[in-house]
PDB file of N, CA and C in Angstrom:
ATOM      1  N   MET A   1       0.845  -1.195   0.000  1.00  0.00           N
ATOM      2  CA  MET A   1       0.000   0.000   0.000  1.00  0.00           C
ATOM      3  C   MET A   1       0.879   1.244   0.000  1.00  0.00           C
ATOM      4  N   LEU A   2       0.560   2.180  -0.847  1.00  0.00           N
ATOM      5  CA  LEU A   2       1.338   3.405  -0.946  1.00  0.00           C
ATOM      6  C   LEU A   2       0.969   4.340   0.189  1.00  0.00           C
ATOM      7  N   ILE A   3       1.964   4.790   0.910  1.00  0.00           N
ATOM      8  CA  ILE A   3       1.743   5.662   2.058  1.00  0.00           C
ATOM      9  C   ILE A   3       1.514   7.093   1.616  1.00  0.00           C
ATOM     10  N   ARG A   4       2.388   7.578   0.754  1.00  0.00           N
ATOM     11  CA  ARG A   4       2.279   8.968   0.299  1.00  0.00           C
ATOM     12  C   ARG A   4       3.031   9.107  -1.005  1.00  0.00           C
ATOM     13  N   ASP A   5       3.008  10.284  -1.531  1.00  0.00           N
ATOM     14  CA  ASP A   5       3.658  10.566  -2.796  1.00  0.00           C
ATOM     15  C   ASP A   5       5.165  10.614  -2.628  1.00  0.00           C
ATOM     16  N   VAL A   6       5.861  10.704  -3.734  1.00  0.00           N
ATOM     17  CA  VAL A   6       7.320  10.795  -3.708  1.00  0.00           C
ATOM     18  C   VAL A   6       7.764  12.210  -4.063  1.00  0.00           C
ATOM     19  N   SER A   7       8.965  12.573  -3.594  1.00  0.00           N
ATOM     20  CA  SER A   7       9.539  13.876  -3.938  1.00  0.00           C
ATOM     21  C   SER A   7      10.066  13.814  -5.368  1.00  0.00           C
ATOM     22  N   ALA A   8      10.427  14.959  -5.918  1.00  0.00           N
ATOM     23  CA  ALA A   8      10.980  15.013  -7.279  1.00  0.00           C
ATOM     24  C   ALA A   8      12.261  14.192  -7.362  1.00  0.00           C
ATOM     25  N   ALA A   9      13.107  14.254  -6.343  1.00  0.00           N
ATOM     26  CA  ALA A   9      14.355  13.484  -6.337  1.00  0.00           C
ATOM     27  C   ALA A   9      14.065  11.989  -6.254  1.00  0.00           C
ATOM     28  N   GLU A  10      13.121  11.606  -5.403  1.00  0.00           N
ATOM     29  CA  GLU A  10      12.744  10.201  -5.298  1.00  0.00           C
ATOM     30  C   GLU A  10      12.148   9.714  -6.624  1.00  0.00           C
ATOM     31  N   LEU A  11      11.400  10.581  -7.286  1.00  0.00           N
ATOM     32  CA  LEU A  11      10.823  10.220  -8.579  1.00  0.00           C
ATOM     33  C   LEU A  11      11.917   9.948  -9.601  1.00  0.00           C
ATOM     34  N   GLU A  12      12.983  10.726  -9.563  1.00  0.00           N
ATOM     35  CA  GLU A  12      14.105  10.498 -10.481  1.00  0.00           C
ATOM     36  C   GLU A  12      14.707   9.111 -10.257  1.00  0.00           C
ATOM     37  N   VAL A  13      14.832   8.711  -9.005  1.00  0.00           N
ATOM     38  CA  VAL A  13      15.325   7.369  -8.676  1.00  0.00           C
ATOM     39  C   VAL A  13      14.315   6.327  -9.143  1.00  0.00           C
ATOM     40  N   MET A  14      13.044   6.578  -8.908  1.00  0.00           N
ATOM     41  CA  MET A  14      11.988   5.653  -9.307  1.00  0.00           C
ATOM     42  C   MET A  14      12.000   5.437 -10.819  1.00  0.00           C
ATOM     43  N   ILE A  15      12.232   6.487 -11.567  1.00  0.00           N
ATOM     44  CA  ILE A  15      12.284   6.376 -13.036  1.00  0.00           C
ATOM     45  C   ILE A  15      13.401   5.425 -13.454  1.00  0.00           C
ATOM     46  N   LYS A  16      14.547   5.513 -12.812  1.00  0.00           N
ATOM     47  CA  LYS A  16      15.661   4.602 -13.129  1.00  0.00           C
ATOM     48  C   LYS A  16      15.298   3.158 -12.787  1.00  0.00           C
ATOM     49  N   ILE A  17      14.545   2.975 -11.727  1.00  0.00           N
ATOM     50  CA  ILE A  17      14.105   1.628 -11.355  1.00  0.00           C
ATOM     51  C   ILE A  17      13.133   1.091 -12.405  1.00  0.00           C
ATOM     52  N   TRP A  18      12.199   1.931 -12.851  1.00  0.00           N
ATOM     53  CA  TRP A  18      11.278   1.502 -13.917  1.00  0.00           C
ATOM     54  C   TRP A  18      12.038   1.185 -15.196  1.00  0.00           C
ATOM     55  N   GLU A  19      12.978   2.038 -15.549  1.00  0.00           N
ATOM     56  CA  GLU A  19      13.724   1.856 -16.798  1.00  0.00           C
ATOM     57  C   GLU A  19      14.550   0.577 -16.802  1.00  0.00           C
ATOM     58  N   ALA A  20      14.987   0.126 -15.645  1.00  0.00           N
ATOM     59  CA  ALA A  20      15.827  -1.075 -15.559  1.00  0.00           C
ATOM     60  C   ALA A  20      15.089  -2.320 -16.053  1.00  0.00           C
ATOM     61  N   GLU A  21      13.796  -2.395 -15.804  1.00  0.00           N
ATOM     62  CA  GLU A  21      12.960  -3.526 -16.205  1.00  0.00           C
ATOM     63  C   GLU A  21      13.465  -4.867 -15.669  1.00  0.00           C
ATOM     64  N   LYS A  22      14.237  -4.823 -14.601  1.00  0.00           N
ATOM     65  CA  LYS A  22      14.728  -6.010 -13.910  1.00  0.00           C
ATOM     66  C   LYS A  22      15.191  -5.562 -12.533  1.00  0.00           C
ATOM     67  N   PRO A  23      15.443  -6.485 -11.618  1.00  0.00           N
ATOM     68  CA  PRO A  23      15.942  -6.063 -10.303  1.00  0.00           C
ATOM     69  C   PRO A  23      17.218  -5.238 -10.440  1.00  0.00           C
ATOM     70  N   ILE A  24      17.315  -4.186  -9.633  1.00  0.00           N
ATOM     71  CA  ILE A  24      18.424  -3.242  -9.754  1.00  0.00           C
ATOM     72  C   ILE A  24      18.963  -2.899  -8.363  1.00  0.00           C
ATOM     73  N   THR A  25      20.270  -2.727  -8.276  1.00  0.00           N
ATOM     74  CA  THR A  25      20.902  -2.380  -6.996  1.00  0.00           C
ATOM     75  C   THR A  25      21.024  -0.866  -6.864  1.00  0.00           C
ATOM     76  N   ILE A  26      21.329  -0.418  -5.657  1.00  0.00           N
ATOM     77  CA  ILE A  26      21.544   1.015  -5.431  1.00  0.00           C
ATOM     78  C   ILE A  26      22.709   1.508  -6.277  1.00  0.00           C
ATOM     79  N   LYS A  27      23.759   0.707  -6.364  1.00  0.00           N
ATOM     80  CA  LYS A  27      24.925   1.101  -7.175  1.00  0.00           C
ATOM     81  C   LYS A  27      24.527   1.284  -8.637  1.00  0.00           C
ATOM     82  N   ASP A  28      23.695   0.373  -9.160  1.00  0.00           N
ATOM     83  CA  ASP A  28      23.220   0.488 -10.539  1.00  0.00           C
ATOM     84  C   ASP A  28      22.425   1.787 -10.737  1.00  0.00           C
ATOM     85  N   ILE A  29      21.578   2.096  -9.767  1.00  0.00           N
ATOM     86  CA  ILE A  29      20.763   3.316  -9.837  1.00  0.00           C
ATOM     87  C   ILE A  29      21.669   4.542  -9.810  1.00  0.00           C
ATOM     88  N   TRP A  30      22.619   4.545  -8.890  1.00  0.00           N
ATOM     89  CA  TRP A  30      23.558   5.659  -8.732  1.00  0.00           C
ATOM     90  C   TRP A  30      24.328   5.898 -10.027  1.00  0.00           C
ATOM     91  N   GLU A  31      24.798   4.830 -10.648  1.00  0.00           N
ATOM     92  CA  GLU A  31      25.534   4.957 -11.909  1.00  0.00           C
ATOM     93  C   GLU A  31      24.622   5.428 -13.035  1.00  0.00           C
ATOM     94  N   ALA A  32      23.372   4.955 -13.068  1.00  0.00           N
ATOM     95  CA  ALA A  32      22.433   5.352 -14.119  1.00  0.00           C
ATOM     96  C   ALA A  32      22.065   6.835 -14.018  1.00  0.00           C
ATOM     97  N   ILE A  33      21.963   7.338 -12.789  1.00  0.00           N
ATOM     98  CA  ILE A  33      21.628   8.750 -12.589  1.00  0.00           C
ATOM     99  C   ILE A  33      22.810   9.626 -12.942  1.00  0.00           C
ATOM    100  N   GLY A  34      23.981   9.147 -12.660  1.00  0.00           N
ATOM    101  CA  GLY A  34      25.188   9.931 -12.875  1.00  0.00           C
ATOM    102  C   GLY A  34      25.859  10.149 -11.539  1.00  0.00           C
ATOM    103  N   GLU A  35      26.992   9.527 -11.385  1.00  0.00           N
ATOM    104  CA  GLU A  35      27.674   9.517 -10.096  1.00  0.00           C
ATOM    105  C   GLU A  35      28.003  10.900  -9.560  1.00  0.00           C
ATOM    106  N   ASN A  36      28.042  11.902 -10.439  1.00  0.00           N
ATOM    107  CA  ASN A  36      28.385  13.254  -9.998  1.00  0.00           C
ATOM    108  C   ASN A  36      27.194  14.056  -9.501  1.00  0.00           C
ATOM    109  N   LYS A  37      25.976  13.549  -9.740  1.00  0.00           N
ATOM    110  CA  LYS A  37      24.786  14.295  -9.327  1.00  0.00           C
ATOM    111  C   LYS A  37      24.558  14.201  -7.822  1.00  0.00           C
ATOM    112  N   TRP A  38      24.533  12.972  -7.298  1.00  0.00           N
ATOM    113  CA  TRP A  38      24.330  12.734  -5.872  1.00  0.00           C
ATOM    114  C   TRP A  38      25.371  11.725  -5.403  1.00  0.00           C
ATOM    115  N   THR A  39      25.619  11.717  -4.102  1.00  0.00           N
ATOM    116  CA  THR A  39      26.498  10.692  -3.550  1.00  0.00           C
ATOM    117  C   THR A  39      25.751   9.366  -3.510  1.00  0.00           C
ATOM    118  N   TYR A  40      26.500   8.300  -3.365  1.00  0.00           N
ATOM    119  CA  TYR A  40      25.915   6.970  -3.244  1.00  0.00           C
ATOM    120  C   TYR A  40      24.952   6.936  -2.053  1.00  0.00           C
ATOM    121  N   GLN A  41      25.364   7.551  -0.941  1.00  0.00           N
ATOM    122  CA  GLN A  41      24.547   7.554   0.268  1.00  0.00           C
ATOM    123  C   GLN A  41      23.220   8.295   0.057  1.00  0.00           C
ATOM    124  N   THR A  42      23.249   9.353  -0.734  1.00  0.00           N
ATOM    125  CA  THR A  42      22.024  10.089  -1.029  1.00  0.00           C
ATOM    126  C   THR A  42      21.051   9.201  -1.805  1.00  0.00           C
ATOM    127  N   VAL A  43      21.557   8.497  -2.812  1.00  0.00           N
ATOM    128  CA  VAL A  43      20.715   7.583  -3.582  1.00  0.00           C
ATOM    129  C   VAL A  43      20.187   6.479  -2.663  1.00  0.00           C
ATOM    130  N   GLN A  44      21.030   5.993  -1.768  1.00  0.00           N
ATOM    131  CA  GLN A  44      20.618   4.969  -0.818  1.00  0.00           C
ATOM    132  C   GLN A  44      19.463   5.480   0.061  1.00  0.00           C
ATOM    133  N   THR A  45      19.541   6.735   0.481  1.00  0.00           N
ATOM    134  CA  THR A  45      18.470   7.337   1.283  1.00  0.00           C
ATOM    135  C   THR A  45      17.169   7.383   0.492  1.00  0.00           C
ATOM    136  N   PHE A  46      17.236   7.808  -0.779  1.00  0.00           N
ATOM    137  CA  PHE A  46      16.030   7.865  -1.616  1.00  0.00           C
ATOM    138  C   PHE A  46      15.437   6.473  -1.802  1.00  0.00           C
ATOM    139  N   VAL A  47      16.295   5.479  -2.041  1.00  0.00           N
ATOM    140  CA  VAL A  47      15.820   4.096  -2.208  1.00  0.00           C
ATOM    141  C   VAL A  47      15.148   3.616  -0.919  1.00  0.00           C
ATOM    142  N   ASN A  48      15.764   3.893   0.212  1.00  0.00           N
ATOM    143  CA  ASN A  48      15.167   3.490   1.497  1.00  0.00           C
ATOM    144  C   ASN A  48      13.803   4.145   1.710  1.00  0.00           C
ATOM    145  N   ARG A  49      13.685   5.419   1.345  1.00  0.00           N
ATOM    146  CA  ARG A  49      12.394   6.111   1.481  1.00  0.00           C
ATOM    147  C   ARG A  49      11.345   5.490   0.574  1.00  0.00           C
ATOM    148  N   LEU A  50      11.730   5.215  -0.677  1.00  0.00           N
ATOM    149  CA  LEU A  50      10.797   4.591  -1.621  1.00  0.00           C
ATOM    150  C   LEU A  50      10.338   3.230  -1.100  1.00  0.00           C
ATOM    151  N   HIS A  51      11.254   2.495  -0.504  1.00  0.00           N
ATOM    152  CA  HIS A  51      10.910   1.192   0.056  1.00  0.00           C
ATOM    153  C   HIS A  51       9.951   1.344   1.236  1.00  0.00           C
ATOM    154  N   MET A  52      10.239   2.287   2.133  1.00  0.00           N
ATOM    155  CA  MET A  52       9.360   2.509   3.292  1.00  0.00           C
ATOM    156  C   MET A  52       7.974   2.990   2.868  1.00  0.00           C
ATOM    157  N   LYS A  53       7.890   3.729   1.786  1.00  0.00           N
ATOM    158  CA  LYS A  53       6.606   4.254   1.299  1.00  0.00           C
ATOM    159  C   LYS A  53       5.828   3.215   0.501  1.00  0.00           C
ATOM    160  N   GLY A  54       6.466   2.080   0.182  1.00  0.00           N
ATOM    161  CA  GLY A  54       5.768   1.015  -0.526  1.00  0.00           C
ATOM    162  C   GLY A  54       5.833   1.100  -2.043  1.00  0.00           C
ATOM    163  N   PHE A  55       6.713   1.929  -2.583  1.00  0.00           N
ATOM    164  CA  PHE A  55       6.823   2.059  -4.035  1.00  0.00           C
ATOM    165  C   PHE A  55       7.745   1.009  -4.648  1.00  0.00           C
ATOM    166  N   ILE A  56       8.692   0.501  -3.859  1.00  0.00           N
ATOM    167  CA  ILE A  56       9.609  -0.527  -4.350  1.00  0.00           C
ATOM    168  C   ILE A  56       9.722  -1.622  -3.299  1.00  0.00           C
ATOM    169  N   ASP A  57      10.238  -2.766  -3.754  1.00  0.00           N
ATOM    170  CA  ASP A  57      10.400  -3.893  -2.842  1.00  0.00           C
ATOM    171  C   ASP A  57      11.775  -4.518  -3.049  1.00  0.00           C
ATOM    172  N   MET A  58      12.337  -5.090  -1.985  1.00  0.00           N
ATOM    173  CA  MET A  58      13.592  -5.839  -2.069  1.00  0.00           C
ATOM    174  C   MET A  58      13.265  -7.251  -2.518  1.00  0.00           C
ATOM    175  N   VAL A  59      13.989  -7.728  -3.527  1.00  0.00           N
ATOM    176  CA  VAL A  59      13.679  -9.067  -4.028  1.00  0.00           C
ATOM    177  C   VAL A  59      14.841 -10.043  -3.923  1.00  0.00           C
ATOM    178  N   GLY A  60      16.018  -9.567  -3.700  1.00  0.00           N
ATOM    179  CA  GLY A  60      17.150 -10.475  -3.628  1.00  0.00           C
ATOM    180  C   GLY A  60      18.399  -9.734  -3.234  1.00  0.00           C
ATOM    181  N   LYS A  61      19.481 -10.452  -3.278  1.00  0.00           N
ATOM    182  CA  LYS A  61      20.747  -9.853  -2.891  1.00  0.00           C
ATOM    183  C   LYS A  61      21.799 -10.270  -3.908  1.00  0.00           C
ATOM    184  N   ARG A  62      22.505  -9.297  -4.443  1.00  0.00           N
ATOM    185  CA  ARG A  62      23.600  -9.557  -5.356  1.00  0.00           C
ATOM    186  C   ARG A  62      24.884  -9.139  -4.647  1.00  0.00           C
ATOM    187  N   VAL A  63      25.770 -10.065  -4.403  1.00  0.00           N
ATOM    188  CA  VAL A  63      27.002  -9.866  -3.645  1.00  0.00           C
ATOM    189  C   VAL A  63      26.639  -9.281  -2.280  1.00  0.00           C
ATOM    190  N   ARG A  64      26.887  -7.993  -2.051  1.00  0.00           N
ATOM    191  CA  ARG A  64      26.537  -7.392  -0.761  1.00  0.00           C
ATOM    192  C   ARG A  64      25.469  -6.319  -0.915  1.00  0.00           C
ATOM    193  N   SER A  65      24.780  -6.299  -2.035  1.00  0.00           N
ATOM    194  CA  SER A  65      23.777  -5.270  -2.291  1.00  0.00           C
ATOM    195  C   SER A  65      22.410  -5.894  -2.526  1.00  0.00           C
ATOM    196  N   PHE A  66      21.397  -5.282  -1.962  1.00  0.00           N
ATOM    197  CA  PHE A  66      20.030  -5.731  -2.218  1.00  0.00           C
ATOM    198  C   PHE A  66      19.603  -5.279  -3.601  1.00  0.00           C
ATOM    199  N   GLU A  67      18.686  -6.032  -4.197  1.00  0.00           N
ATOM    200  CA  GLU A  67      18.104  -5.670  -5.480  1.00  0.00           C
ATOM    201  C   GLU A  67      16.669  -5.210  -5.237  1.00  0.00           C
ATOM    202  N   TYR A  68      16.242  -4.247  -6.037  1.00  0.00           N
ATOM    203  CA  TYR A  68      14.919  -3.645  -5.867  1.00  0.00           C
ATOM    204  C   TYR A  68      14.124  -3.723  -7.155  1.00  0.00           C
ATOM    205  N   VAL A  69      12.816  -3.829  -7.003  1.00  0.00           N
ATOM    206  CA  VAL A  69      11.884  -3.802  -8.129  1.00  0.00           C
ATOM    207  C   VAL A  69      10.726  -2.875  -7.768  1.00  0.00           C
ATOM    208  N   PRO A  70      10.085  -2.284  -8.777  1.00  0.00           N
ATOM    209  CA  PRO A  70       8.936  -1.419  -8.481  1.00  0.00           C
ATOM    210  C   PRO A  70       7.725  -2.227  -8.050  1.00  0.00           C
ATOM    211  N   CYS A  71       6.943  -1.646  -7.151  1.00  0.00           N
ATOM    212  CA  CYS A  71       5.676  -2.257  -6.737  1.00  0.00           C
ATOM    213  C   CYS A  71       4.515  -1.681  -7.558  1.00  0.00           C
ATOM    214  N   VAL A  72       4.761  -0.567  -8.220  1.00  0.00           N
ATOM    215  CA  VAL A  72       3.762   0.065  -9.090  1.00  0.00           C
ATOM    216  C   VAL A  72       4.421   0.382 -10.422  1.00  0.00           C
ATOM    217  N   THR A  73       3.637   0.327 -11.476  1.00  0.00           N
ATOM    218  CA  THR A  73       4.150   0.709 -12.787  1.00  0.00           C
ATOM    219  C   THR A  73       4.110   2.227 -12.922  1.00  0.00           C
ATOM    220  N   ARG A  74       4.767   2.723 -13.943  1.00  0.00           N
ATOM    221  CA  ARG A  74       4.721   4.160 -14.219  1.00  0.00           C
ATOM    222  C   ARG A  74       3.288   4.625 -14.425  1.00  0.00           C
ATOM    223  N   ALA A  75       2.538   3.849 -15.196  1.00  0.00           N
ATOM    224  CA  ALA A  75       1.146   4.216 -15.484  1.00  0.00           C
ATOM    225  C   ALA A  75       0.309   4.239 -14.204  1.00  0.00           C
ATOM    226  N   GLN A  76       0.511   3.269 -13.328  1.00  0.00           N
ATOM    227  CA  GLN A  76      -0.217   3.249 -12.062  1.00  0.00           C
ATOM    228  C   GLN A  76       0.155   4.463 -11.213  1.00  0.00           C
ATOM    229  N   TYR A  77       1.436   4.795 -11.205  1.00  0.00           N
ATOM    230  CA  TYR A  77       1.890   5.953 -10.431  1.00  0.00           C
ATOM    231  C   TYR A  77       1.245   7.236 -10.953  1.00  0.00           C
ATOM    232  N   LEU A  78       1.258   7.412 -12.268  1.00  0.00           N
ATOM    233  CA  LEU A  78       0.666   8.615 -12.856  1.00  0.00           C
ATOM    234  C   LEU A  78      -0.828   8.682 -12.566  1.00  0.00           C
ATOM    235  N   ALA A  79      -1.489   7.533 -12.618  1.00  0.00           N
ATOM    236  CA  ALA A  79      -2.921   7.521 -12.314  1.00  0.00           C
ATOM    237  C   ALA A  79      -3.171   7.903 -10.856  1.00  0.00           C
ATOM    238  N   LEU A  80      -2.331   7.415  -9.959  1.00  0.00           N
ATOM    239  CA  LEU A  80      -2.483   7.732  -8.536  1.00  0.00           C
ATOM    240  C   LEU A  80      -2.248   9.205  -8.242  1.00  0.00           C
ATOM    241  N   THR A  81      -1.251   9.780  -8.894  1.00  0.00           N
ATOM    242  CA  THR A  81      -0.862  11.158  -8.582  1.00  0.00           C
ATOM    243  C   THR A  81      -1.473  12.169  -9.534  1.00  0.00           C
ATOM    244  N   LYS A  82      -2.102  11.679 -10.590  1.00  0.00           N
ATOM    245  CA  LYS A  82      -2.631  12.535 -11.649  1.00  0.00           C
ATOM    246  C   LYS A  82      -1.518  13.378 -12.259  1.00  0.00           C
ATOM    247  N   GLY A  83      -0.292  12.887 -12.158  1.00  0.00           N
ATOM    248  CA  GLY A  83       0.838  13.537 -12.801  1.00  0.00           C
ATOM    249  C   GLY A  83       1.254  14.857 -12.210  1.00  0.00           C
ATOM    250  N   HIS A  84       0.799  15.213 -11.013  1.00  0.00           N
ATOM    251  CA  HIS A  84       1.065  16.547 -10.500  1.00  0.00           C
ATOM    252  C   HIS A  84       2.548  16.851 -10.306  1.00  0.00           C
ATOM    253  N   LEU A  85       3.388  15.839 -10.105  1.00  0.00           N
ATOM    254  CA  LEU A  85       4.812  16.131  -9.940  1.00  0.00           C
ATOM    255  C   LEU A  85       5.457  16.610 -11.234  1.00  0.00           C
ATOM    256  N   PHE A  86       4.807  16.328 -12.350  1.00  0.00           N
ATOM    257  CA  PHE A  86       5.395  16.727 -13.621  1.00  0.00           C
ATOM    258  C   PHE A  86       5.144  18.190 -13.947  1.00  0.00           C
ATOM    259  N   ASN A  87       4.145  18.789 -13.352  1.00  0.00           N
ATOM    260  CA  ASN A  87       3.913  20.207 -13.656  1.00  0.00           C
ATOM    261  C   ASN A  87       3.685  21.053 -12.411  1.00  0.00           C
ATOM    262  N   GLY A  88       3.817  20.462 -11.246  1.00  0.00           N
ATOM    263  CA  GLY A  88       3.762  21.217 -10.009  1.00  0.00           C
ATOM    264  C   GLY A  88       2.378  21.566  -9.497  1.00  0.00           C
ATOM    265  N   GLU A  89       1.332  21.076 -10.137  1.00  0.00           N
ATOM    266  CA  GLU A  89      -0.023  21.409  -9.699  1.00  0.00           C
ATOM    267  C   GLU A  89      -0.764  20.166  -9.239  1.00  0.00           C
ATOM    268  N   PRO A  90      -1.130  20.097  -7.970  1.00  0.00           N
ATOM    269  CA  PRO A  90      -1.915  18.950  -7.511  1.00  0.00           C
ATOM    270  C   PRO A  90      -3.223  18.828  -8.299  1.00  0.00           C
ATOM    271  N   GLY A  91      -3.547  17.613  -8.683  1.00  0.00           N
ATOM    272  CA  GLY A  91      -4.803  17.386  -9.385  1.00  0.00           C
ATOM    273  C   GLY A  91      -4.808  17.838 -10.830  1.00  0.00           C
ATOM    274  N   ALA A  92      -3.637  17.969 -11.435  1.00  0.00           N
ATOM    275  CA  ALA A  92      -3.573  18.409 -12.826  1.00  0.00           C
ATOM    276  C   ALA A  92      -4.290  17.411 -13.730  1.00  0.00           C
ATOM    277  N   CYS A  93      -4.835  17.917 -14.820  1.00  0.00           N
ATOM    278  CA  CYS A  93      -5.534  17.025 -15.750  1.00  0.00           C
ATOM    279  C   CYS A  93      -4.522  16.355 -16.682  1.00  0.00           C
ATOM    280  N   VAL A  94      -4.970  15.326 -17.370  1.00  0.00           N
ATOM    281  CA  VAL A  94      -4.101  14.543 -18.243  1.00  0.00           C
ATOM    282  C   VAL A  94      -3.492  15.410 -19.342  1.00  0.00           C
ATOM    283  N   SER A  95      -4.274  16.320 -19.910  1.00  0.00           N
ATOM    284  CA  SER A  95      -3.721  17.157 -20.977  1.00  0.00           C
ATOM    285  C   SER A  95      -2.603  18.046 -20.445  1.00  0.00           C
ATOM    286  N   ASP A  96      -2.715  18.507 -19.198  1.00  0.00           N
ATOM    287  CA  ASP A  96      -1.632  19.280 -18.589  1.00  0.00           C
ATOM    288  C   ASP A  96      -0.376  18.427 -18.449  1.00  0.00           C
ATOM    289  N   LEU A  97      -0.563  17.172 -18.061  1.00  0.00           N
ATOM    290  CA  LEU A  97       0.566  16.270 -17.918  1.00  0.00           C
ATOM    291  C   LEU A  97       1.286  16.084 -19.254  1.00  0.00           C
ATOM    292  N   VAL A  98       0.533  15.797 -20.298  1.00  0.00           N
ATOM    293  CA  VAL A  98       1.130  15.577 -21.612  1.00  0.00           C
ATOM    294  C   VAL A  98       1.834  16.845 -22.100  1.00  0.00           C
ATOM    295  N   LYS A  99       1.203  17.993 -21.904  1.00  0.00           N
ATOM    296  CA  LYS A  99       1.827  19.262 -22.289  1.00  0.00           C
ATOM    297  C   LYS A  99       3.125  19.499 -21.529  1.00  0.00           C
ATOM    298  N   ALA A 100       3.128  19.185 -20.230  1.00  0.00           N
ATOM    299  CA  ALA A 100       4.329  19.367 -19.410  1.00  0.00           C
ATOM    300  C   ALA A 100       5.444  18.427 -19.858  1.00  0.00           C
ATOM    301  N   LEU A 101       5.097  17.180 -20.142  1.00  0.00           N
ATOM    302  CA  LEU A 101       6.098  16.230 -20.619  1.00  0.00           C
ATOM    303  C   LEU A 101       6.710  16.692 -21.932  1.00  0.00           C
ATOM    304  N   TYR A 102       5.878  17.178 -22.826  1.00  0.00           N
ATOM    305  CA  TYR A 102       6.361  17.658 -24.115  1.00  0.00           C
ATOM    306  C   TYR A 102       7.230  18.906 -23.933  1.00  0.00           C
ATOM    307  N   ALA A 103       6.771  19.848 -23.145  1.00  0.00           N
ATOM    308  CA  ALA A 103       7.504  21.103 -22.941  1.00  0.00           C
ATOM    309  C   ALA A 103       8.875  20.865 -22.309  1.00  0.00           C
ATOM    310  N   ASN A 104       8.961  19.847 -21.454  1.00  0.00           N
ATOM    311  CA  ASN A 104      10.231  19.548 -20.791  1.00  0.00           C
ATOM    312  C   ASN A 104      11.145  18.656 -21.616  1.00  0.00           C
ATOM    313  N   GLY A 105      10.713  18.315 -22.816  1.00  0.00           N
ATOM    314  CA  GLY A 105      11.536  17.482 -23.694  1.00  0.00           C
ATOM    315  C   GLY A 105      11.555  16.019 -23.294  1.00  0.00           C
ATOM    316  N   ASN A 106      10.525  15.578 -22.567  1.00  0.00           N
ATOM    317  CA  ASN A 106      10.473  14.196 -22.100  1.00  0.00           C
ATOM    318  C   ASN A 106       9.677  13.283 -23.018  1.00  0.00           C
ATOM    319  N   MET A 107       9.288  13.772 -24.178  1.00  0.00           N
ATOM    320  CA  MET A 107       8.533  12.942 -25.120  1.00  0.00           C
ATOM    321  C   MET A 107       9.321  12.821 -26.413  1.00  0.00           C
ATOM    322  N   THR A 108       9.438  11.600 -26.887  1.00  0.00           N
ATOM    323  CA  THR A 108      10.108  11.361 -28.163  1.00  0.00           C
ATOM    324  C   THR A 108       9.070  11.388 -29.280  1.00  0.00           C
ATOM    325  N   ASP A 109       9.535  11.412 -30.510  1.00  0.00           N
ATOM    326  CA  ASP A 109       8.615  11.342 -31.648  1.00  0.00           C
ATOM    327  C   ASP A 109       7.813  10.039 -31.591  1.00  0.00           C
ATOM    328  N   LYS A 110       8.465   8.960 -31.149  1.00  0.00           N
ATOM    329  CA  LYS A 110       7.776   7.678 -31.024  1.00  0.00           C
ATOM    330  C   LYS A 110       6.654   7.770 -29.990  1.00  0.00           C
ATOM    331  N   ASP A 111       6.919   8.447 -28.860  1.00  0.00           N
ATOM    332  CA  ASP A 111       5.881   8.629 -27.839  1.00  0.00           C
ATOM    333  C   ASP A 111       4.682   9.357 -28.428  1.00  0.00           C
ATOM    334  N   ILE A 112       4.947  10.416 -29.178  1.00  0.00           N
ATOM    335  CA  ILE A 112       3.872  11.224 -29.779  1.00  0.00           C
ATOM    336  C   ILE A 112       3.061  10.380 -30.752  1.00  0.00           C
ATOM    337  N   GLU A 113       3.745   9.574 -31.565  1.00  0.00           N
ATOM    338  CA  GLU A 113       3.051   8.701 -32.513  1.00  0.00           C
ATOM    339  C   GLU A 113       2.172   7.682 -31.790  1.00  0.00           C
ATOM    340  N   GLU A 114       2.712   7.088 -30.719  1.00  0.00           N
ATOM    341  CA  GLU A 114       1.954   6.093 -29.969  1.00  0.00           C
ATOM    342  C   GLU A 114       0.733   6.707 -29.293  1.00  0.00           C
ATOM    343  N   ILE A 115       0.889   7.891 -28.743  1.00  0.00           N
ATOM    344  CA  ILE A 115      -0.240   8.576 -28.108  1.00  0.00           C
ATOM    345  C   ILE A 115      -1.296   8.923 -29.143  1.00  0.00           C
ATOM    346  N   SER A 116      -0.864   9.440 -30.292  1.00  0.00           N
ATOM    347  CA  SER A 116      -1.800   9.789 -31.371  1.00  0.00           C
ATOM    348  C   SER A 116      -2.566   8.557 -31.849  1.00  0.00           C
ATOM    349  N   ALA A 117      -1.851   7.459 -32.018  1.00  0.00           N
ATOM    350  CA  ALA A 117      -2.508   6.214 -32.475  1.00  0.00           C
ATOM    351  C   ALA A 117      -3.502   5.726 -31.438  1.00  0.00           C
ATOM    352  N   TRP A 118      -3.132   5.806 -30.167  1.00  0.00           N
ATOM    353  CA  TRP A 118      -4.021   5.350 -29.106  1.00  0.00           C
ATOM    354  C   TRP A 118      -5.277   6.224 -29.017  1.00  0.00           C
ATOM    355  N   ILE A 119      -5.108   7.538 -29.161  1.00  0.00           N
ATOM    356  CA  ILE A 119      -6.257   8.449 -29.128  1.00  0.00           C
ATOM    357  C   ILE A 119      -7.201   8.144 -30.292  1.00  0.00           C
ATOM    358  N   SER A 120      -6.639   7.940 -31.470  1.00  0.00           N
ATOM    359  CA  SER A 120      -7.470   7.594 -32.634  1.00  0.00           C
ATOM    360  C   SER A 120      -8.228   6.290 -32.391  1.00  0.00           C
ATOM    361  N   GLU A 121      -7.569   5.357 -31.732  1.00  0.00           N
ATOM    362  CA  GLU A 121      -8.165   4.052 -31.450  1.00  0.00           C
ATOM    363  C   GLU A 121      -9.350   4.150 -30.491  1.00  0.00           C
ATOM    364  N   ILE A 122      -9.246   5.016 -29.498  1.00  0.00           N
ATOM    365  CA  ILE A 122     -10.310   5.082 -28.487  1.00  0.00           C
ATOM    366  C   ILE A 122     -11.449   5.994 -28.869  1.00  0.00           C
ATOM    367  N   LYS A 123     -11.288   6.789 -29.915  1.00  0.00           N
ATOM    368  CA  LYS A 123     -12.369   7.692 -30.344  1.00  0.00           C
ATOM    369  C   LYS A 123     -13.519   6.933 -30.964  1.00  0.00           C
TER     370      LYS A 123
END
């Protein structure tokens, strides 16, 4: 059960966990984010918070590091939060979310094509 929302920094860590599509260690997350952005300990703190909040789970141990997997998908997270972390407004509508993703350069041409095809399909 999700306790509460995640901070922008925790969301950045969560995105790396989603992108991994397999169990991932803190070291893997730290390297994926960029070792110069945060210290290893900072990433470890974010991972621990995500685990305590119920967004990720420990599934195994590789050498001396635990591996983590998401408990919610990206789509489930966006549905729960209505995407407000992406544009700073609680309760933002879906069109605001898509506009914010596009404005921030977080959408590829492939994403736009897939969204357009899906919209045409549901009409």
